[in-house]
């Protein structure tokens, strides 16, 4: 898959949703679960030991779902006002991401967004390598950036955030098996948050 093929893939596999990571848990509740990155649902690391726990948990989970060397799409979005540039490429410390879509949020969800609000989607295609994305995972855990990992071969989306990882898999059965496996990392809350 190339960056430009990402949207076609998304529309085929996730037609009920836009590629906006924080909305996915509401669109796919029967395929979603969340793990917390630190014991007792602690949100932010305060020591090197806690960062190691975050990275160990997240790498173990991702490695369980995405085989090493498998192609992944790393995607993030930016909220912008009118006047976006379709040829713009966002350069970050994690490499160059290709802009693949600009979503008119007011058109898609008029009750939630005002006119002129857009969400630009950026994508970079890479191969998954355990511990190969630790700096990005750490920056996400510190709420410095936001991104999600999409695996066509693994049929899953992993959306790390500052506190844990939201996971969307391809079936309720697979979700339930993973929840049982990672039960010690789940929230105690009834809603799974």
N, C-alpha and C. Protein backbone atom coordinates (compact mmCIF):
# COMPACT_ATOMS: atom_id res chain seq x y z
N UNK A 1 0.85 -1.18 0.00
CA UNK A 1 0.00 0.00 0.00
C UNK A 1 0.89 1.23 0.00
N UNK A 2 0.49 2.23 -0.76
CA UNK A 2 1.17 3.52 -0.72
C UNK A 2 0.35 4.47 0.14
N UNK A 3 0.94 5.60 0.46
CA UNK A 3 0.20 6.61 1.24
C UNK A 3 -1.10 6.99 0.53
N UNK A 4 -1.05 7.14 -0.79
CA UNK A 4 -2.23 7.55 -1.54
C UNK A 4 -3.30 6.46 -1.60
N UNK A 5 -2.93 5.20 -1.37
CA UNK A 5 -3.91 4.11 -1.37
C UNK A 5 -4.56 3.92 0.00
N UNK A 6 -4.06 4.64 1.00
CA UNK A 6 -4.57 4.47 2.36
C UNK A 6 -6.06 4.77 2.47
N UNK A 7 -6.51 5.87 1.89
CA UNK A 7 -7.92 6.25 2.01
C UNK A 7 -8.83 5.22 1.34
N UNK A 8 -8.43 4.70 0.17
CA UNK A 8 -9.24 3.66 -0.48
C UNK A 8 -9.33 2.43 0.42
N UNK A 9 -8.21 2.06 1.03
CA UNK A 9 -8.21 0.92 1.96
C UNK A 9 -9.15 1.22 3.13
N UNK A 10 -9.04 2.41 3.71
CA UNK A 10 -9.86 2.77 4.87
C UNK A 10 -11.35 2.69 4.52
N UNK A 11 -11.72 3.28 3.39
CA UNK A 11 -13.14 3.30 3.00
C UNK A 11 -13.69 1.89 2.76
N UNK A 12 -12.85 1.00 2.30
CA UNK A 12 -13.28 -0.38 2.08
C UNK A 12 -13.43 -1.14 3.39
N UNK A 13 -12.46 -0.98 4.30
CA UNK A 13 -12.44 -1.76 5.53
C UNK A 13 -13.18 -1.12 6.71
N UNK A 14 -13.27 0.20 6.73
CA UNK A 14 -13.90 0.92 7.85
C UNK A 14 -14.90 1.95 7.31
N UNK A 15 -15.87 1.51 6.49
CA UNK A 15 -16.75 2.46 5.80
C UNK A 15 -17.66 3.27 6.72
N UNK A 16 -17.87 2.80 7.94
CA UNK A 16 -18.77 3.51 8.86
C UNK A 16 -18.09 4.67 9.57
N UNK A 17 -16.78 4.82 9.36
CA UNK A 17 -16.06 5.83 10.15
C UNK A 17 -15.11 6.65 9.29
N UNK A 18 -14.77 7.80 9.83
CA UNK A 18 -13.69 8.61 9.28
C UNK A 18 -12.40 8.18 9.99
N UNK A 19 -11.24 8.39 9.38
CA UNK A 19 -9.99 8.01 10.06
C UNK A 19 -9.58 9.01 11.15
N UNK A 20 -10.47 9.15 12.14
CA UNK A 20 -10.23 10.03 13.28
C UNK A 20 -10.18 9.12 14.50
N UNK A 21 -8.99 8.94 15.06
CA UNK A 21 -8.76 7.86 16.02
C UNK A 21 -9.64 7.91 17.27
N UNK A 22 -9.90 9.08 17.81
CA UNK A 22 -10.67 9.12 19.06
C UNK A 22 -12.16 8.82 18.87
N UNK A 23 -12.63 8.74 17.61
CA UNK A 23 -14.03 8.41 17.35
C UNK A 23 -14.26 6.92 17.15
N UNK A 24 -13.21 6.16 16.92
CA UNK A 24 -13.36 4.75 16.52
C UNK A 24 -14.02 3.90 17.58
N UNK A 25 -13.73 4.16 18.85
CA UNK A 25 -14.32 3.33 19.92
C UNK A 25 -15.83 3.43 19.94
N UNK A 26 -16.37 4.56 19.48
CA UNK A 26 -17.82 4.74 19.47
C UNK A 26 -18.45 4.10 18.24
N UNK A 27 -17.70 4.02 17.14
CA UNK A 27 -18.21 3.44 15.89
C UNK A 27 -18.14 1.92 15.92
N UNK A 28 -17.10 1.37 16.56
CA UNK A 28 -16.87 -0.08 16.58
C UNK A 28 -16.82 -0.62 18.02
N UNK A 29 -17.85 -0.41 18.82
CA UNK A 29 -17.79 -0.82 20.22
C UNK A 29 -17.65 -2.33 20.41
N UNK A 30 -18.14 -3.13 19.48
CA UNK A 30 -18.06 -4.58 19.62
C UNK A 30 -16.71 -5.15 19.18
N UNK A 31 -15.87 -4.31 18.61
CA UNK A 31 -14.53 -4.74 18.17
C UNK A 31 -13.43 -3.96 18.89
N UNK A 32 -13.82 -3.10 19.83
CA UNK A 32 -12.90 -2.20 20.53
C UNK A 32 -12.60 -2.68 21.94
N UNK A 33 -11.37 -2.47 22.36
CA UNK A 33 -11.03 -2.54 23.79
C UNK A 33 -9.85 -1.63 24.03
N UNK A 34 -9.57 -1.39 25.29
CA UNK A 34 -8.52 -0.44 25.67
C UNK A 34 -7.65 -1.08 26.75
N UNK A 35 -6.35 -0.90 26.58
CA UNK A 35 -5.44 -1.27 27.66
C UNK A 35 -4.87 0.02 28.25
N UNK A 36 -4.51 -0.04 29.50
CA UNK A 36 -3.83 1.08 30.15
C UNK A 36 -2.34 0.78 30.16
N UNK A 37 -1.54 1.80 29.94
CA UNK A 37 -0.10 1.61 29.78
C UNK A 37 0.66 1.48 31.09
N UNK A 38 0.06 1.92 32.18
CA UNK A 38 0.72 1.84 33.48
C UNK A 38 -0.19 1.16 34.48
N UNK A 39 0.39 0.49 35.48
CA UNK A 39 -0.44 -0.13 36.53
C UNK A 39 -1.35 0.89 37.21
N UNK A 40 -2.46 0.39 37.70
CA UNK A 40 -3.46 1.18 38.42
C UNK A 40 -3.98 2.35 37.58
N UNK A 41 -3.94 2.19 36.27
CA UNK A 41 -4.47 3.18 35.32
C UNK A 41 -3.80 4.55 35.45
N UNK A 42 -2.58 4.56 35.92
CA UNK A 42 -1.84 5.82 36.01
C UNK A 42 -1.67 6.37 34.60
N UNK A 43 -1.84 7.66 34.43
CA UNK A 43 -1.88 8.25 33.10
C UNK A 43 -0.50 8.58 32.53
N UNK A 44 0.37 9.21 33.32
CA UNK A 44 1.66 9.67 32.80
C UNK A 44 2.82 9.08 33.57
N UNK A 45 3.89 8.77 32.83
CA UNK A 45 5.11 8.25 33.44
C UNK A 45 5.85 9.38 34.15
N UNK A 46 6.45 9.04 35.29
CA UNK A 46 7.24 10.02 36.04
C UNK A 46 8.67 9.55 36.26
N UNK A 47 9.03 8.40 35.65
CA UNK A 47 10.39 7.88 35.83
C UNK A 47 10.76 7.03 34.62
N UNK A 48 12.04 6.76 34.50
CA UNK A 48 12.51 5.89 33.41
C UNK A 48 11.88 4.51 33.53
N UNK A 49 11.70 4.02 34.75
CA UNK A 49 11.09 2.71 34.97
C UNK A 49 9.65 2.69 34.43
N UNK A 50 8.90 3.76 34.67
CA UNK A 50 7.53 3.82 34.17
C UNK A 50 7.49 3.94 32.65
N UNK A 51 8.42 4.68 32.05
CA UNK A 51 8.48 4.73 30.58
C UNK A 51 8.77 3.33 30.02
N UNK A 52 9.62 2.57 30.68
CA UNK A 52 9.92 1.21 30.24
C UNK A 52 8.68 0.33 30.30
N UNK A 53 7.86 0.50 31.34
CA UNK A 53 6.61 -0.27 31.45
C UNK A 53 5.70 0.07 30.27
N UNK A 54 5.56 1.36 29.99
CA UNK A 54 4.71 1.79 28.87
C UNK A 54 5.19 1.15 27.57
N UNK A 55 6.48 1.27 27.30
CA UNK A 55 7.01 0.76 26.04
C UNK A 55 6.95 -0.76 25.98
N UNK A 56 7.20 -1.43 27.10
CA UNK A 56 7.11 -2.90 27.11
C UNK A 56 5.68 -3.35 26.83
N UNK A 57 4.72 -2.74 27.51
CA UNK A 57 3.32 -3.13 27.31
C UNK A 57 2.88 -2.85 25.87
N UNK A 58 3.16 -1.65 25.39
CA UNK A 58 2.68 -1.29 24.06
C UNK A 58 3.35 -2.12 22.97
N UNK A 59 4.66 -2.34 23.09
CA UNK A 59 5.34 -3.17 22.10
C UNK A 59 4.86 -4.60 22.14
N UNK A 60 4.60 -5.14 23.32
CA UNK A 60 4.10 -6.51 23.42
C UNK A 60 2.74 -6.62 22.75
N UNK A 61 1.86 -5.68 23.05
CA UNK A 61 0.52 -5.69 22.46
C UNK A 61 0.59 -5.56 20.94
N UNK A 62 1.32 -4.56 20.46
CA UNK A 62 1.40 -4.35 19.01
C UNK A 62 2.04 -5.55 18.34
N UNK A 63 3.09 -6.08 18.93
CA UNK A 63 3.77 -7.24 18.35
C UNK A 63 2.86 -8.45 18.32
N UNK A 64 1.93 -8.54 19.25
CA UNK A 64 0.96 -9.63 19.28
C UNK A 64 -0.02 -9.52 18.11
N UNK A 65 -0.28 -8.31 17.66
CA UNK A 65 -1.27 -8.08 16.61
C UNK A 65 -0.65 -7.87 15.23
N UNK A 66 0.57 -7.37 15.20
CA UNK A 66 1.22 -7.06 13.93
C UNK A 66 2.56 -7.78 13.89
N UNK A 67 2.70 -8.69 12.98
CA UNK A 67 3.94 -9.46 12.85
C UNK A 67 5.10 -8.55 12.43
N UNK A 68 6.25 -8.81 13.01
CA UNK A 68 7.45 -8.03 12.67
C UNK A 68 7.68 -8.05 11.16
N UNK A 69 7.98 -6.89 10.61
CA UNK A 69 8.22 -6.77 9.18
C UNK A 69 6.98 -6.52 8.35
N UNK A 70 5.81 -6.52 9.00
CA UNK A 70 4.54 -6.30 8.30
C UNK A 70 4.35 -4.81 8.03
N UNK A 71 3.80 -4.52 6.88
CA UNK A 71 3.55 -3.13 6.50
C UNK A 71 2.45 -2.52 7.38
N UNK A 72 2.70 -1.31 7.84
CA UNK A 72 1.71 -0.56 8.62
C UNK A 72 1.60 0.85 8.04
N UNK A 73 0.45 1.43 8.24
CA UNK A 73 0.26 2.85 7.93
C UNK A 73 0.21 3.58 9.27
N UNK A 74 1.08 4.56 9.41
CA UNK A 74 1.03 5.42 10.59
C UNK A 74 0.30 6.68 10.16
N UNK A 75 -0.77 7.00 10.87
CA UNK A 75 -1.62 8.11 10.45
C UNK A 75 -1.87 9.05 11.61
N UNK A 76 -1.94 10.34 11.29
CA UNK A 76 -2.37 11.32 12.27
C UNK A 76 -3.18 12.38 11.56
N UNK A 77 -3.93 13.14 12.33
CA UNK A 77 -4.76 14.19 11.76
C UNK A 77 -4.55 15.50 12.49
N UNK A 78 -4.81 16.57 11.75
CA UNK A 78 -4.73 17.92 12.32
C UNK A 78 -6.04 18.64 12.06
N UNK A 79 -6.58 19.25 13.10
CA UNK A 79 -7.74 20.12 12.92
C UNK A 79 -7.25 21.44 12.37
N UNK A 80 -7.88 21.91 11.29
CA UNK A 80 -7.48 23.16 10.66
C UNK A 80 -8.72 23.94 10.25
N UNK A 81 -8.53 25.23 10.02
CA UNK A 81 -9.59 26.07 9.48
C UNK A 81 -9.42 26.15 7.97
N UNK A 82 -10.35 26.81 7.29
CA UNK A 82 -10.30 26.93 5.83
C UNK A 82 -8.93 27.37 5.35
N UNK A 83 -8.62 27.00 4.13
CA UNK A 83 -7.36 27.44 3.55
C UNK A 83 -6.27 26.40 3.63
N UNK A 84 -6.63 25.12 3.74
CA UNK A 84 -5.59 24.10 3.77
C UNK A 84 -4.97 23.96 2.39
N UNK A 85 -3.75 23.52 2.34
CA UNK A 85 -3.01 23.36 1.10
C UNK A 85 -2.90 21.88 0.78
N UNK A 86 -3.52 21.44 -0.31
CA UNK A 86 -3.55 20.02 -0.65
C UNK A 86 -2.19 19.44 -0.98
N UNK A 87 -1.23 20.27 -1.34
CA UNK A 87 0.09 19.73 -1.69
C UNK A 87 1.05 19.76 -0.51
N UNK A 88 0.59 20.20 0.64
CA UNK A 88 1.45 20.33 1.82
C UNK A 88 1.86 18.97 2.36
N UNK A 89 3.12 18.83 2.70
CA UNK A 89 3.61 17.62 3.35
C UNK A 89 4.10 18.02 4.73
N UNK A 90 3.57 17.35 5.75
CA UNK A 90 3.95 17.65 7.12
C UNK A 90 5.24 16.91 7.47
N UNK A 91 6.25 17.65 7.83
CA UNK A 91 7.51 17.04 8.26
C UNK A 91 7.56 17.08 9.77
N UNK A 92 7.80 15.94 10.37
CA UNK A 92 7.92 15.86 11.82
C UNK A 92 9.25 15.22 12.15
N UNK A 93 9.58 15.17 13.41
CA UNK A 93 10.81 14.50 13.82
C UNK A 93 10.74 13.00 13.57
N UNK A 94 9.58 12.49 13.19
CA UNK A 94 9.41 11.07 12.91
C UNK A 94 9.33 10.79 11.42
N UNK A 95 9.76 11.71 10.60
CA UNK A 95 9.80 11.51 9.17
C UNK A 95 8.73 12.31 8.44
N UNK A 96 8.66 12.08 7.16
CA UNK A 96 7.73 12.82 6.31
C UNK A 96 6.43 12.06 6.16
N UNK A 97 5.34 12.74 6.42
CA UNK A 97 4.00 12.18 6.26
C UNK A 97 3.32 12.86 5.09
N UNK A 98 2.69 12.07 4.26
CA UNK A 98 1.99 12.58 3.08
C UNK A 98 0.54 12.92 3.45
N UNK A 99 0.11 14.12 3.11
CA UNK A 99 -1.30 14.46 3.31
C UNK A 99 -2.13 13.70 2.28
N UNK A 100 -3.15 12.94 2.76
CA UNK A 100 -3.93 12.10 1.86
C UNK A 100 -5.40 12.51 1.79
N UNK A 101 -5.87 13.34 2.72
CA UNK A 101 -7.28 13.71 2.71
C UNK A 101 -7.50 14.93 3.59
N UNK A 102 -8.42 15.77 3.18
CA UNK A 102 -8.90 16.87 4.00
C UNK A 102 -10.40 16.69 4.16
N UNK A 103 -10.85 16.47 5.38
CA UNK A 103 -12.27 16.20 5.66
C UNK A 103 -12.96 17.49 6.06
N UNK A 104 -14.03 17.83 5.37
CA UNK A 104 -14.86 18.97 5.75
C UNK A 104 -15.76 18.50 6.89
N UNK A 105 -15.37 18.81 8.12
CA UNK A 105 -16.07 18.30 9.29
C UNK A 105 -17.51 18.81 9.38
N UNK A 106 -17.73 20.05 8.99
CA UNK A 106 -19.10 20.59 9.04
C UNK A 106 -20.00 19.83 8.07
N UNK A 107 -19.47 19.50 6.91
CA UNK A 107 -20.26 18.75 5.92
C UNK A 107 -20.55 17.34 6.43
N UNK A 108 -19.56 16.70 7.04
CA UNK A 108 -19.72 15.33 7.52
C UNK A 108 -20.58 15.25 8.79
N UNK A 109 -20.39 16.22 9.69
CA UNK A 109 -21.09 16.21 10.98
C UNK A 109 -21.52 17.64 11.34
N UNK A 110 -22.53 18.15 10.66
CA UNK A 110 -22.91 19.56 10.85
C UNK A 110 -23.33 19.92 12.27
N UNK A 111 -23.83 18.95 13.01
CA UNK A 111 -24.24 19.23 14.38
C UNK A 111 -23.08 19.38 15.35
N UNK A 112 -21.92 18.86 14.97
CA UNK A 112 -20.76 18.87 15.85
C UNK A 112 -19.71 19.92 15.50
N UNK A 113 -19.70 20.38 14.23
CA UNK A 113 -18.64 21.29 13.78
C UNK A 113 -19.22 22.48 13.04
N UNK A 114 -18.50 23.60 13.13
CA UNK A 114 -18.91 24.81 12.42
C UNK A 114 -18.35 24.80 11.01
N UNK A 115 -18.92 25.65 10.16
CA UNK A 115 -18.40 25.78 8.79
C UNK A 115 -16.95 26.21 8.83
N UNK A 116 -16.17 25.67 7.91
CA UNK A 116 -14.76 26.03 7.81
C UNK A 116 -13.83 25.19 8.65
N UNK A 117 -14.37 24.20 9.38
CA UNK A 117 -13.51 23.32 10.17
C UNK A 117 -13.20 22.06 9.36
N UNK A 118 -11.90 21.76 9.26
CA UNK A 118 -11.43 20.61 8.49
C UNK A 118 -10.53 19.75 9.36
N UNK A 119 -10.38 18.50 8.93
CA UNK A 119 -9.45 17.57 9.58
C UNK A 119 -8.58 16.98 8.49
N UNK A 120 -7.30 17.33 8.49
CA UNK A 120 -6.37 16.85 7.48
C UNK A 120 -5.71 15.56 7.95
N UNK A 121 -5.72 14.54 7.09
CA UNK A 121 -5.16 13.23 7.41
C UNK A 121 -3.79 13.09 6.74
N UNK A 122 -2.79 12.71 7.53
CA UNK A 122 -1.43 12.48 7.06
C UNK A 122 -1.06 11.03 7.30
N UNK A 123 -0.31 10.44 6.37
CA UNK A 123 0.04 9.03 6.45
C UNK A 123 1.50 8.81 6.04
N UNK A 124 2.10 7.82 6.69
CA UNK A 124 3.43 7.34 6.31
C UNK A 124 3.38 5.81 6.38
N UNK A 125 3.88 5.15 5.33
CA UNK A 125 3.90 3.69 5.28
C UNK A 125 5.28 3.21 5.73
N UNK A 126 5.28 2.26 6.67
CA UNK A 126 6.53 1.69 7.19
C UNK A 126 6.31 0.21 7.46
N UNK A 127 7.35 -0.44 7.93
CA UNK A 127 7.27 -1.83 8.40
C UNK A 127 7.32 -1.80 9.92
N UNK A 128 6.49 -2.66 10.55
CA UNK A 128 6.51 -2.74 12.00
C UNK A 128 7.79 -3.44 12.45
N UNK A 129 8.43 -2.86 13.44
CA UNK A 129 9.60 -3.47 14.08
C UNK A 129 9.45 -3.23 15.57
N UNK A 130 9.45 -4.32 16.33
CA UNK A 130 9.33 -4.19 17.79
C UNK A 130 10.43 -3.28 18.31
N UNK A 131 10.06 -2.34 19.14
CA UNK A 131 10.93 -1.31 19.72
C UNK A 131 11.46 -0.32 18.68
N UNK A 132 11.00 -0.43 17.44
CA UNK A 132 11.45 0.48 16.40
C UNK A 132 10.71 1.81 16.38
N UNK A 133 9.63 1.91 17.14
CA UNK A 133 8.84 3.14 17.18
C UNK A 133 8.75 3.69 18.60
N UNK A 134 9.72 3.35 19.43
CA UNK A 134 9.67 3.74 20.85
C UNK A 134 9.64 5.24 21.06
N UNK A 135 10.39 5.99 20.27
CA UNK A 135 10.38 7.45 20.46
C UNK A 135 9.01 8.03 20.14
N UNK A 136 8.37 7.51 19.11
CA UNK A 136 7.02 7.96 18.78
C UNK A 136 6.03 7.56 19.87
N UNK A 137 6.11 6.31 20.34
CA UNK A 137 5.21 5.86 21.40
C UNK A 137 5.40 6.69 22.67
N UNK A 138 6.64 7.03 22.97
CA UNK A 138 6.91 7.86 24.15
C UNK A 138 6.33 9.26 23.98
N UNK A 139 6.48 9.84 22.79
CA UNK A 139 5.91 11.17 22.53
C UNK A 139 4.38 11.14 22.61
N UNK A 140 3.77 10.06 22.15
CA UNK A 140 2.31 9.91 22.27
C UNK A 140 1.93 9.79 23.74
N UNK A 141 2.68 8.99 24.50
CA UNK A 141 2.39 8.81 25.93
C UNK A 141 2.50 10.12 26.69
N UNK A 142 3.36 11.02 26.22
CA UNK A 142 3.52 12.34 26.85
C UNK A 142 2.55 13.37 26.26
N UNK A 143 1.65 12.95 25.38
CA UNK A 143 0.66 13.81 24.72
C UNK A 143 1.32 14.93 23.92
N UNK A 144 2.48 14.62 23.32
CA UNK A 144 3.17 15.59 22.46
C UNK A 144 2.69 15.46 21.02
N UNK A 145 2.33 14.27 20.61
CA UNK A 145 1.79 14.02 19.27
C UNK A 145 0.67 13.00 19.40
N UNK A 146 -0.07 12.84 18.31
CA UNK A 146 -1.13 11.83 18.25
C UNK A 146 -0.98 11.08 16.94
N UNK A 147 -1.10 9.77 16.99
CA UNK A 147 -0.98 8.95 15.79
C UNK A 147 -1.62 7.60 16.05
N UNK A 148 -1.95 6.91 14.95
CA UNK A 148 -2.44 5.55 15.08
C UNK A 148 -1.72 4.67 14.07
N UNK A 149 -1.66 3.38 14.40
CA UNK A 149 -1.02 2.39 13.56
C UNK A 149 -2.13 1.52 12.95
N UNK A 150 -2.16 1.45 11.62
CA UNK A 150 -3.18 0.67 10.93
C UNK A 150 -2.47 -0.47 10.20
N UNK A 151 -2.92 -1.69 10.45
CA UNK A 151 -2.31 -2.86 9.82
C UNK A 151 -3.32 -3.57 8.93
N UNK A 152 -3.17 -3.43 7.60
CA UNK A 152 -4.07 -4.17 6.71
C UNK A 152 -3.94 -5.69 6.89
N UNK A 153 -2.73 -6.21 6.98
CA UNK A 153 -2.54 -7.64 7.12
C UNK A 153 -3.05 -8.15 8.47
N UNK A 154 -2.85 -7.37 9.53
CA UNK A 154 -3.32 -7.75 10.85
C UNK A 154 -4.78 -7.42 11.11
N UNK A 155 -5.41 -6.74 10.17
CA UNK A 155 -6.82 -6.33 10.29
C UNK A 155 -7.09 -5.65 11.62
N UNK A 156 -6.25 -4.66 11.94
CA UNK A 156 -6.44 -3.98 13.22
C UNK A 156 -5.95 -2.54 13.16
N UNK A 157 -6.43 -1.78 14.13
CA UNK A 157 -6.00 -0.41 14.34
C UNK A 157 -5.55 -0.32 15.79
N UNK A 158 -4.39 0.26 16.00
CA UNK A 158 -3.88 0.52 17.35
C UNK A 158 -3.72 2.01 17.48
N UNK A 159 -4.41 2.59 18.43
CA UNK A 159 -4.41 4.04 18.61
C UNK A 159 -3.91 4.39 20.00
N UNK A 160 -2.58 4.48 20.16
CA UNK A 160 -2.03 4.86 21.46
C UNK A 160 -2.45 6.28 21.82
N UNK A 161 -2.54 6.54 23.10
CA UNK A 161 -2.85 7.88 23.59
C UNK A 161 -2.12 8.05 24.92
N UNK A 162 -2.24 9.20 25.53
CA UNK A 162 -1.57 9.45 26.81
C UNK A 162 -2.33 8.72 27.91
N UNK A 163 -1.95 7.49 28.15
CA UNK A 163 -2.62 6.68 29.16
C UNK A 163 -2.81 5.24 28.75
N UNK A 164 -2.81 4.96 27.46
CA UNK A 164 -3.05 3.59 27.03
C UNK A 164 -3.07 3.44 25.54
N UNK A 165 -3.81 2.42 25.09
CA UNK A 165 -3.97 2.14 23.66
C UNK A 165 -5.40 1.68 23.43
N UNK A 166 -6.07 2.30 22.45
CA UNK A 166 -7.35 1.81 21.97
C UNK A 166 -7.06 0.86 20.83
N UNK A 167 -7.74 -0.28 20.82
CA UNK A 167 -7.52 -1.31 19.81
C UNK A 167 -8.84 -1.64 19.14
N UNK A 168 -8.82 -1.67 17.80
CA UNK A 168 -9.96 -2.13 17.02
C UNK A 168 -9.47 -3.34 16.24
N UNK A 169 -10.13 -4.48 16.43
CA UNK A 169 -9.79 -5.69 15.69
C UNK A 169 -10.96 -6.05 14.78
N UNK A 170 -10.83 -7.17 14.05
CA UNK A 170 -11.82 -7.48 13.02
C UNK A 170 -13.02 -8.30 13.49
N UNK A 171 -13.06 -8.68 14.78
CA UNK A 171 -14.22 -9.43 15.25
C UNK A 171 -14.36 -9.30 16.77
N UNK A 172 -15.57 -9.51 17.24
CA UNK A 172 -15.83 -9.50 18.68
C UNK A 172 -15.11 -10.66 19.35
N UNK A 173 -15.05 -11.81 18.68
CA UNK A 173 -14.38 -12.98 19.25
C UNK A 173 -12.89 -12.70 19.47
N UNK A 174 -12.26 -12.11 18.50
CA UNK A 174 -10.83 -11.78 18.64
C UNK A 174 -10.64 -10.76 19.75
N UNK A 175 -11.51 -9.78 19.80
CA UNK A 175 -11.44 -8.78 20.86
C UNK A 175 -11.54 -9.44 22.23
N UNK A 176 -12.49 -10.36 22.38
CA UNK A 176 -12.69 -11.02 23.67
C UNK A 176 -11.49 -11.88 24.07
N UNK A 177 -10.86 -12.56 23.09
CA UNK A 177 -9.64 -13.33 23.39
C UNK A 177 -8.52 -12.41 23.87
N UNK A 178 -8.36 -11.27 23.19
CA UNK A 178 -7.30 -10.33 23.58
C UNK A 178 -7.59 -9.70 24.94
N UNK A 179 -8.85 -9.40 25.21
CA UNK A 179 -9.21 -8.84 26.52
C UNK A 179 -8.88 -9.83 27.63
N UNK A 180 -9.12 -11.11 27.38
CA UNK A 180 -8.79 -12.13 28.38
C UNK A 180 -7.28 -12.22 28.57
N UNK A 181 -6.54 -12.16 27.48
CA UNK A 181 -5.08 -12.25 27.56
C UNK A 181 -4.49 -11.06 28.31
N UNK A 182 -5.02 -9.87 28.07
CA UNK A 182 -4.48 -8.65 28.67
C UNK A 182 -5.36 -8.13 29.81
N UNK A 183 -6.08 -9.02 30.49
CA UNK A 183 -7.04 -8.61 31.51
C UNK A 183 -6.42 -7.76 32.62
N UNK A 184 -5.15 -7.98 32.93
CA UNK A 184 -4.51 -7.20 33.99
C UNK A 184 -4.17 -5.78 33.56
N UNK A 185 -4.29 -5.48 32.29
CA UNK A 185 -4.00 -4.15 31.78
C UNK A 185 -5.27 -3.36 31.46
N UNK A 186 -6.43 -3.97 31.67
CA UNK A 186 -7.70 -3.31 31.35
C UNK A 186 -8.14 -2.40 32.49
N UNK A 187 -9.01 -1.48 32.16
CA UNK A 187 -9.60 -0.60 33.15
C UNK A 187 -10.56 -1.38 34.04
N UNK A 188 -10.71 -0.92 35.28
CA UNK A 188 -11.71 -1.52 36.16
C UNK A 188 -13.11 -0.98 35.88
N UNK A 189 -13.20 0.07 35.09
CA UNK A 189 -14.49 0.68 34.79
C UNK A 189 -15.35 -0.24 33.94
N UNK A 190 -16.65 -0.19 34.15
CA UNK A 190 -17.58 -1.02 33.39
C UNK A 190 -17.57 -0.70 31.90
N UNK A 191 -17.35 0.58 31.55
CA UNK A 191 -17.34 0.97 30.14
C UNK A 191 -16.01 0.71 29.45
N UNK A 192 -15.03 0.20 30.16
CA UNK A 192 -13.74 -0.11 29.57
C UNK A 192 -12.80 1.05 29.39
N UNK A 193 -13.24 2.24 29.78
CA UNK A 193 -12.39 3.43 29.62
C UNK A 193 -11.38 3.46 30.73
